[in-house]
Amino acid sequence: MKNDYSFLFDFRVRYSEIDGQGVVFNAHYLTYFDVAITEFFRQMGFDYAAYPKETGCDFHLVKSLVNYEKPLLFDTEFQVGCRIVKIGNSSLVFELAVFDKGTTDRYATGEIIWVNTDQSTHQAVRVSDDVRSMINSFQTK
């Protein structure tokens, strides 16, 4: 449900995003998810560009899933809800949903999983306590 998301980011379907059927081409949903996650982190105060430089670590995408429920049409105003539903040892699990901007109608849902990795060894490493605290504080506001 839309009210399950405290973070929503606004979009509008651009002409270049629709396919021959007049609906948003499926791959664009992952772009919408990526933008929403970036803005979620920006709103949280996490400096994604500085993180690798400061820690030697970075997050890598290991899973992306989109469930398409209803087609998005050209010029539709919509929002993508984003939240982190699990912080594992080295992973973050994002739950995302695409909603109509003016209603609670849902177009799609998805899951993105990132793993925190040491950039010199490319091995998974624990998500730091600082990042965990930042996420937990942001999501409980």
N, C-alpha and C. Protein backbone atom coordinates (compact mmCIF):
# COMPACT_ATOMS: atom_id res chain seq x y z
N MET A 1 0.83 -1.18 0.00
CA MET A 1 0.00 0.00 0.00
C MET A 1 0.87 1.25 0.00
N LYS A 2 0.37 2.28 -0.59
CA LYS A 2 1.14 3.52 -0.73
C LYS A 2 1.54 4.11 0.61
N ASN A 3 0.65 4.04 1.59
CA ASN A 3 0.98 4.64 2.88
C ASN A 3 2.00 3.83 3.68
N ASP A 4 2.42 2.69 3.17
CA ASP A 4 3.51 1.92 3.79
C ASP A 4 4.87 2.54 3.51
N TYR A 5 4.92 3.49 2.59
CA TYR A 5 6.19 4.11 2.18
C TYR A 5 6.26 5.54 2.69
N SER A 6 7.25 5.81 3.53
CA SER A 6 7.45 7.18 4.01
C SER A 6 8.24 8.00 2.99
N PHE A 7 8.90 7.32 2.05
CA PHE A 7 9.65 8.02 1.00
C PHE A 7 9.02 7.70 -0.35
N LEU A 8 8.61 8.75 -1.06
CA LEU A 8 8.07 8.63 -2.42
C LEU A 8 8.76 9.67 -3.29
N PHE A 9 9.14 9.27 -4.50
CA PHE A 9 9.79 10.20 -5.42
C PHE A 9 8.95 10.33 -6.68
N ASP A 10 8.76 11.57 -7.14
CA ASP A 10 7.87 11.87 -8.27
C ASP A 10 8.54 11.72 -9.62
N PHE A 11 7.78 11.19 -10.57
CA PHE A 11 8.20 11.05 -11.96
C PHE A 11 7.02 11.40 -12.87
N ARG A 12 7.33 11.55 -14.16
CA ARG A 12 6.31 11.64 -15.21
C ARG A 12 6.85 10.84 -16.39
N VAL A 13 6.01 10.01 -17.00
CA VAL A 13 6.44 9.20 -18.13
C VAL A 13 6.76 10.10 -19.31
N ARG A 14 7.98 9.98 -19.81
CA ARG A 14 8.41 10.75 -20.98
C ARG A 14 8.17 9.94 -22.25
N TYR A 15 8.03 10.65 -23.35
CA TYR A 15 7.75 9.98 -24.63
C TYR A 15 8.82 8.95 -24.97
N SER A 16 10.06 9.26 -24.66
CA SER A 16 11.17 8.35 -25.00
C SER A 16 11.14 7.05 -24.20
N GLU A 17 10.29 6.98 -23.18
CA GLU A 17 10.24 5.78 -22.34
C GLU A 17 9.16 4.79 -22.77
N ILE A 18 8.32 5.18 -23.72
CA ILE A 18 7.26 4.26 -24.15
C ILE A 18 7.71 3.45 -25.36
N ASP A 19 7.08 2.28 -25.50
CA ASP A 19 7.43 1.40 -26.61
C ASP A 19 6.34 1.44 -27.68
N GLY A 20 6.41 0.55 -28.64
CA GLY A 20 5.46 0.51 -29.74
C GLY A 20 4.03 0.23 -29.31
N GLN A 21 3.85 -0.30 -28.12
CA GLN A 21 2.51 -0.56 -27.59
C GLN A 21 1.95 0.66 -26.86
N GLY A 22 2.77 1.71 -26.74
CA GLY A 22 2.33 2.93 -26.07
C GLY A 22 2.43 2.89 -24.56
N VAL A 23 3.15 1.91 -24.03
CA VAL A 23 3.35 1.78 -22.59
C VAL A 23 4.84 1.89 -22.27
N VAL A 24 5.14 2.15 -21.01
CA VAL A 24 6.55 2.23 -20.61
C VAL A 24 7.23 0.90 -20.89
N PHE A 25 8.36 0.97 -21.60
CA PHE A 25 9.17 -0.21 -21.88
C PHE A 25 9.66 -0.79 -20.56
N ASN A 26 9.61 -2.09 -20.41
CA ASN A 26 9.85 -2.75 -19.13
C ASN A 26 11.17 -2.39 -18.45
N ALA A 27 12.24 -2.21 -19.19
CA ALA A 27 13.54 -1.93 -18.58
C ALA A 27 13.59 -0.59 -17.86
N HIS A 28 12.71 0.32 -18.22
CA HIS A 28 12.70 1.64 -17.58
C HIS A 28 12.31 1.57 -16.10
N TYR A 29 11.58 0.53 -15.73
CA TYR A 29 11.20 0.40 -14.32
C TYR A 29 12.44 0.28 -13.44
N LEU A 30 13.46 -0.41 -13.91
CA LEU A 30 14.70 -0.52 -13.13
C LEU A 30 15.40 0.83 -13.02
N THR A 31 15.30 1.65 -14.06
CA THR A 31 15.84 3.00 -13.98
C THR A 31 15.07 3.81 -12.95
N TYR A 32 13.75 3.70 -12.95
CA TYR A 32 12.94 4.39 -11.95
C TYR A 32 13.34 3.95 -10.54
N PHE A 33 13.55 2.65 -10.37
CA PHE A 33 13.96 2.14 -9.06
C PHE A 33 15.32 2.70 -8.66
N ASP A 34 16.25 2.73 -9.60
CA ASP A 34 17.59 3.23 -9.32
C ASP A 34 17.55 4.71 -8.91
N VAL A 35 16.77 5.50 -9.62
CA VAL A 35 16.64 6.93 -9.28
C VAL A 35 16.01 7.07 -7.89
N ALA A 36 14.98 6.30 -7.61
CA ALA A 36 14.31 6.38 -6.30
C ALA A 36 15.28 6.02 -5.17
N ILE A 37 16.09 4.98 -5.37
CA ILE A 37 17.07 4.59 -4.35
C ILE A 37 18.10 5.70 -4.16
N THR A 38 18.57 6.28 -5.25
CA THR A 38 19.53 7.38 -5.15
C THR A 38 18.95 8.54 -4.37
N GLU A 39 17.70 8.90 -4.66
CA GLU A 39 17.05 10.01 -3.96
C GLU A 39 16.73 9.66 -2.51
N PHE A 40 16.41 8.42 -2.25
CA PHE A 40 16.20 7.93 -0.88
C PHE A 40 17.48 8.16 -0.07
N PHE A 41 18.62 7.76 -0.63
CA PHE A 41 19.90 7.94 0.06
C PHE A 41 20.25 9.43 0.20
N ARG A 42 19.96 10.21 -0.80
CA ARG A 42 20.21 11.66 -0.74
C ARG A 42 19.39 12.28 0.40
N GLN A 43 18.10 11.94 0.47
CA GLN A 43 17.22 12.45 1.52
C GLN A 43 17.71 12.01 2.90
N MET A 44 18.27 10.81 2.96
CA MET A 44 18.77 10.26 4.21
C MET A 44 20.05 10.97 4.67
N GLY A 45 20.76 11.61 3.73
CA GLY A 45 22.01 12.29 4.06
C GLY A 45 23.24 11.44 3.81
N PHE A 46 23.05 10.31 3.14
CA PHE A 46 24.17 9.42 2.82
C PHE A 46 24.86 9.94 1.56
N ASP A 47 26.17 10.16 1.64
CA ASP A 47 26.94 10.66 0.50
C ASP A 47 27.47 9.47 -0.29
N TYR A 48 26.66 9.03 -1.25
CA TYR A 48 26.99 7.83 -2.02
C TYR A 48 28.30 7.98 -2.79
N ALA A 49 28.59 9.19 -3.30
CA ALA A 49 29.83 9.41 -4.07
C ALA A 49 31.06 9.35 -3.18
N ALA A 50 30.93 9.80 -1.95
CA ALA A 50 32.08 9.81 -1.03
C ALA A 50 32.31 8.45 -0.37
N TYR A 51 31.30 7.63 -0.27
CA TYR A 51 31.39 6.36 0.44
C TYR A 51 32.55 5.48 -0.02
N PRO A 52 32.72 5.23 -1.32
CA PRO A 52 33.86 4.39 -1.74
C PRO A 52 35.22 5.02 -1.44
N LYS A 53 35.30 6.33 -1.58
CA LYS A 53 36.57 7.02 -1.31
C LYS A 53 36.93 6.96 0.16
N GLU A 54 35.95 7.09 1.01
CA GLU A 54 36.19 7.12 2.45
C GLU A 54 36.37 5.74 3.07
N THR A 55 35.70 4.74 2.50
CA THR A 55 35.70 3.41 3.14
C THR A 55 36.40 2.32 2.34
N GLY A 56 36.60 2.54 1.04
CA GLY A 56 37.14 1.48 0.19
C GLY A 56 36.09 0.44 -0.16
N CYS A 57 34.85 0.71 0.21
CA CYS A 57 33.74 -0.21 -0.06
C CYS A 57 32.73 0.45 -1.00
N ASP A 58 31.93 -0.39 -1.62
CA ASP A 58 30.83 0.11 -2.44
C ASP A 58 29.77 -0.96 -2.50
N PHE A 59 28.56 -0.56 -2.86
CA PHE A 59 27.45 -1.50 -2.96
C PHE A 59 27.34 -1.99 -4.40
N HIS A 60 27.11 -3.29 -4.54
CA HIS A 60 26.92 -3.91 -5.85
C HIS A 60 25.52 -4.51 -5.91
N LEU A 61 24.87 -4.32 -7.03
CA LEU A 61 23.57 -4.93 -7.26
C LEU A 61 23.76 -6.43 -7.46
N VAL A 62 23.00 -7.25 -6.71
CA VAL A 62 23.06 -8.69 -6.89
C VAL A 62 21.72 -9.29 -7.29
N LYS A 63 20.64 -8.51 -7.12
CA LYS A 63 19.33 -9.01 -7.53
C LYS A 63 18.43 -7.83 -7.86
N SER A 64 17.67 -7.97 -8.95
CA SER A 64 16.63 -7.00 -9.28
C SER A 64 15.41 -7.77 -9.76
N LEU A 65 14.27 -7.37 -9.24
CA LEU A 65 13.03 -8.04 -9.56
C LEU A 65 11.95 -6.98 -9.76
N VAL A 66 11.19 -7.13 -10.83
CA VAL A 66 10.06 -6.23 -11.09
C VAL A 66 8.82 -7.09 -11.34
N ASN A 67 7.75 -6.76 -10.64
CA ASN A 67 6.45 -7.38 -10.89
C ASN A 67 5.56 -6.32 -11.54
N TYR A 68 5.20 -6.55 -12.78
CA TYR A 68 4.39 -5.58 -13.54
C TYR A 68 2.92 -5.89 -13.30
N GLU A 69 2.18 -4.88 -12.86
CA GLU A 69 0.78 -5.10 -12.52
C GLU A 69 -0.19 -4.37 -13.44
N LYS A 70 0.20 -3.19 -13.89
CA LYS A 70 -0.69 -2.34 -14.68
C LYS A 70 0.20 -1.47 -15.56
N PRO A 71 -0.13 -1.28 -16.84
CA PRO A 71 0.76 -0.50 -17.71
C PRO A 71 0.78 0.99 -17.37
N LEU A 72 1.97 1.55 -17.44
CA LEU A 72 2.16 3.00 -17.30
C LEU A 72 2.11 3.61 -18.69
N LEU A 73 1.32 4.65 -18.86
CA LEU A 73 1.15 5.27 -20.17
C LEU A 73 1.87 6.61 -20.24
N PHE A 74 2.11 7.08 -21.45
CA PHE A 74 2.77 8.36 -21.68
C PHE A 74 2.12 9.47 -20.87
N ASP A 75 2.94 10.30 -20.28
CA ASP A 75 2.56 11.51 -19.55
C ASP A 75 1.92 11.24 -18.18
N THR A 76 1.87 9.98 -17.77
CA THR A 76 1.33 9.66 -16.45
C THR A 76 2.27 10.19 -15.37
N GLU A 77 1.71 10.86 -14.38
CA GLU A 77 2.49 11.27 -13.22
C GLU A 77 2.42 10.14 -12.19
N PHE A 78 3.58 9.73 -11.70
CA PHE A 78 3.62 8.62 -10.77
C PHE A 78 4.71 8.83 -9.74
N GLN A 79 4.68 8.00 -8.72
CA GLN A 79 5.66 8.05 -7.65
C GLN A 79 6.22 6.66 -7.42
N VAL A 80 7.49 6.63 -7.04
CA VAL A 80 8.10 5.36 -6.66
C VAL A 80 8.40 5.43 -5.17
N GLY A 81 7.80 4.49 -4.45
CA GLY A 81 8.07 4.35 -3.03
C GLY A 81 9.27 3.47 -2.83
N CYS A 82 10.10 3.81 -1.84
CA CYS A 82 11.32 3.07 -1.58
C CYS A 82 11.50 2.93 -0.08
N ARG A 83 11.87 1.74 0.34
CA ARG A 83 12.23 1.50 1.74
C ARG A 83 13.17 0.31 1.81
N ILE A 84 13.96 0.30 2.86
CA ILE A 84 14.85 -0.84 3.10
C ILE A 84 14.12 -1.74 4.09
N VAL A 85 13.87 -2.97 3.68
CA VAL A 85 13.10 -3.89 4.52
C VAL A 85 13.99 -4.85 5.29
N LYS A 86 15.28 -4.93 4.90
CA LYS A 86 16.19 -5.82 5.63
C LYS A 86 17.62 -5.32 5.47
N ILE A 87 18.32 -5.29 6.57
CA ILE A 87 19.77 -5.07 6.55
C ILE A 87 20.40 -6.37 7.01
N GLY A 88 21.01 -7.08 6.07
CA GLY A 88 21.68 -8.32 6.42
C GLY A 88 23.08 -8.03 6.90
N ASN A 89 23.90 -9.06 6.98
CA ASN A 89 25.28 -8.85 7.38
C ASN A 89 25.98 -7.91 6.40
N SER A 90 25.89 -8.23 5.11
CA SER A 90 26.55 -7.40 4.09
C SER A 90 25.57 -6.84 3.07
N SER A 91 24.29 -7.11 3.24
CA SER A 91 23.31 -6.74 2.20
C SER A 91 22.26 -5.76 2.68
N LEU A 92 21.70 -5.06 1.70
CA LEU A 92 20.53 -4.20 1.89
C LEU A 92 19.45 -4.70 0.94
N VAL A 93 18.26 -4.91 1.45
CA VAL A 93 17.13 -5.34 0.63
C VAL A 93 16.15 -4.17 0.55
N PHE A 94 15.96 -3.67 -0.67
CA PHE A 94 15.04 -2.57 -0.93
C PHE A 94 13.72 -3.13 -1.44
N GLU A 95 12.64 -2.57 -0.96
CA GLU A 95 11.32 -2.86 -1.50
C GLU A 95 10.84 -1.58 -2.17
N LEU A 96 10.37 -1.72 -3.41
CA LEU A 96 9.94 -0.55 -4.18
C LEU A 96 8.55 -0.80 -4.75
N ALA A 97 7.83 0.29 -4.99
CA ALA A 97 6.52 0.18 -5.61
C ALA A 97 6.26 1.44 -6.42
N VAL A 98 5.59 1.26 -7.56
CA VAL A 98 5.24 2.36 -8.45
C VAL A 98 3.75 2.63 -8.29
N PHE A 99 3.43 3.87 -7.90
CA PHE A 99 2.05 4.27 -7.64
C PHE A 99 1.66 5.46 -8.51
N ASP A 100 0.37 5.54 -8.84
CA ASP A 100 -0.16 6.74 -9.47
C ASP A 100 0.03 7.90 -8.49
N LYS A 101 0.41 9.06 -9.00
CA LYS A 101 0.69 10.19 -8.12
C LYS A 101 -0.55 10.66 -7.37
N GLY A 102 -1.69 10.68 -8.03
CA GLY A 102 -2.88 11.24 -7.41
C GLY A 102 -3.77 10.25 -6.70
N THR A 103 -3.48 8.95 -6.82
CA THR A 103 -4.32 7.93 -6.20
C THR A 103 -3.43 6.88 -5.53
N THR A 104 -4.04 5.84 -5.05
CA THR A 104 -3.28 4.73 -4.47
C THR A 104 -3.11 3.58 -5.46
N ASP A 105 -3.51 3.79 -6.73
CA ASP A 105 -3.35 2.74 -7.74
C ASP A 105 -1.88 2.37 -7.88
N ARG A 106 -1.61 1.07 -7.95
CA ARG A 106 -0.24 0.58 -8.05
C ARG A 106 0.00 0.00 -9.44
N TYR A 107 1.15 0.35 -10.03
CA TYR A 107 1.53 -0.14 -11.35
C TYR A 107 2.50 -1.31 -11.30
N ALA A 108 3.38 -1.31 -10.30
CA ALA A 108 4.41 -2.34 -10.23
C ALA A 108 5.01 -2.38 -8.83
N THR A 109 5.63 -3.49 -8.51
CA THR A 109 6.41 -3.62 -7.28
C THR A 109 7.77 -4.20 -7.65
N GLY A 110 8.70 -4.10 -6.74
CA GLY A 110 10.01 -4.66 -7.03
C GLY A 110 10.86 -4.84 -5.80
N GLU A 111 11.95 -5.54 -6.02
CA GLU A 111 12.94 -5.78 -4.98
C GLU A 111 14.33 -5.60 -5.59
N ILE A 112 15.15 -4.90 -4.87
CA ILE A 112 16.55 -4.70 -5.26
C ILE A 112 17.40 -5.14 -4.07
N ILE A 113 18.43 -5.93 -4.32
CA ILE A 113 19.36 -6.31 -3.27
C ILE A 113 20.75 -5.85 -3.64
N TRP A 114 21.35 -5.14 -2.70
CA TRP A 114 22.74 -4.68 -2.84
C TRP A 114 23.60 -5.43 -1.82
N VAL A 115 24.85 -5.67 -2.19
CA VAL A 115 25.83 -6.24 -1.26
C VAL A 115 26.98 -5.25 -1.14
N ASN A 116 27.38 -5.00 0.09
CA ASN A 116 28.51 -4.12 0.38
C ASN A 116 29.80 -4.91 0.15
N THR A 117 30.68 -4.36 -0.67
CA THR A 117 31.91 -5.10 -1.00
C THR A 117 33.15 -4.24 -0.83
N ASP A 118 34.21 -4.90 -0.43
CA ASP A 118 35.52 -4.27 -0.38
C ASP A 118 35.98 -4.14 -1.83
N GLN A 119 36.31 -2.95 -2.26
CA GLN A 119 36.64 -2.71 -3.66
C GLN A 119 38.02 -3.24 -4.07
N SER A 120 38.88 -3.53 -3.12
CA SER A 120 40.18 -4.10 -3.48
C SER A 120 40.12 -5.62 -3.61
N THR A 121 39.26 -6.26 -2.83
CA THR A 121 39.16 -7.73 -2.87
C THR A 121 37.92 -8.22 -3.58
N HIS A 122 36.94 -7.35 -3.76
CA HIS A 122 35.62 -7.69 -4.33
C HIS A 122 34.89 -8.74 -3.50
N GLN A 123 35.20 -8.76 -2.22
CA GLN A 123 34.53 -9.67 -1.28
C GLN A 123 33.49 -8.90 -0.49
N ALA A 124 32.43 -9.60 -0.12
CA ALA A 124 31.37 -8.99 0.69
C ALA A 124 31.93 -8.64 2.06
N VAL A 125 31.53 -7.47 2.56
CA VAL A 125 31.93 -7.03 3.90
C VAL A 125 30.69 -6.51 4.63
N ARG A 126 30.76 -6.54 5.94
CA ARG A 126 29.64 -6.13 6.79
C ARG A 126 29.25 -4.67 6.53
N VAL A 127 27.96 -4.42 6.50
CA VAL A 127 27.46 -3.05 6.44
C VAL A 127 27.81 -2.41 7.78
N SER A 128 28.45 -1.26 7.73
CA SER A 128 28.94 -0.63 8.95
C SER A 128 27.82 -0.22 9.90
N ASP A 129 28.17 -0.09 11.16
CA ASP A 129 27.19 0.37 12.16
C ASP A 129 26.71 1.77 11.84
N ASP A 130 27.59 2.61 11.29
CA ASP A 130 27.19 3.98 10.93
C ASP A 130 26.08 3.97 9.87
N VAL A 131 26.26 3.14 8.84
CA VAL A 131 25.25 3.06 7.78
C VAL A 131 23.96 2.46 8.33
N ARG A 132 24.07 1.44 9.15
CA ARG A 132 22.89 0.83 9.77
C ARG A 132 22.11 1.86 10.59
N SER A 133 22.82 2.62 11.39
CA SER A 133 22.18 3.64 12.23
C SER A 133 21.50 4.70 11.39
N MET A 134 22.19 5.13 10.32
CA MET A 134 21.63 6.15 9.45
C MET A 134 20.32 5.67 8.82
N ILE A 135 20.31 4.44 8.34
CA ILE A 135 19.11 3.87 7.72
C ILE A 135 18.00 3.76 8.75
N ASN A 136 18.31 3.17 9.89
CA ASN A 136 17.28 2.98 10.92
C ASN A 136 16.71 4.29 11.41
N SER A 137 17.55 5.29 11.60
CA SER A 137 17.07 6.61 12.03
C SER A 137 16.17 7.25 10.98
N PHE A 138 16.58 7.15 9.72
CA PHE A 138 15.81 7.76 8.64
C PHE A 138 14.44 7.12 8.48
N GLN A 139 14.39 5.82 8.59
CA GLN A 139 13.14 5.11 8.35
C GLN A 139 12.18 5.14 9.54
N THR A 140 12.66 5.56 10.69
CA THR A 140 11.76 5.62 11.85
C THR A 140 11.25 7.03 12.12
N LYS A 141 11.59 7.97 11.24
CA LYS A 141 11.10 9.36 11.42
C LYS A 141 9.62 9.43 11.20
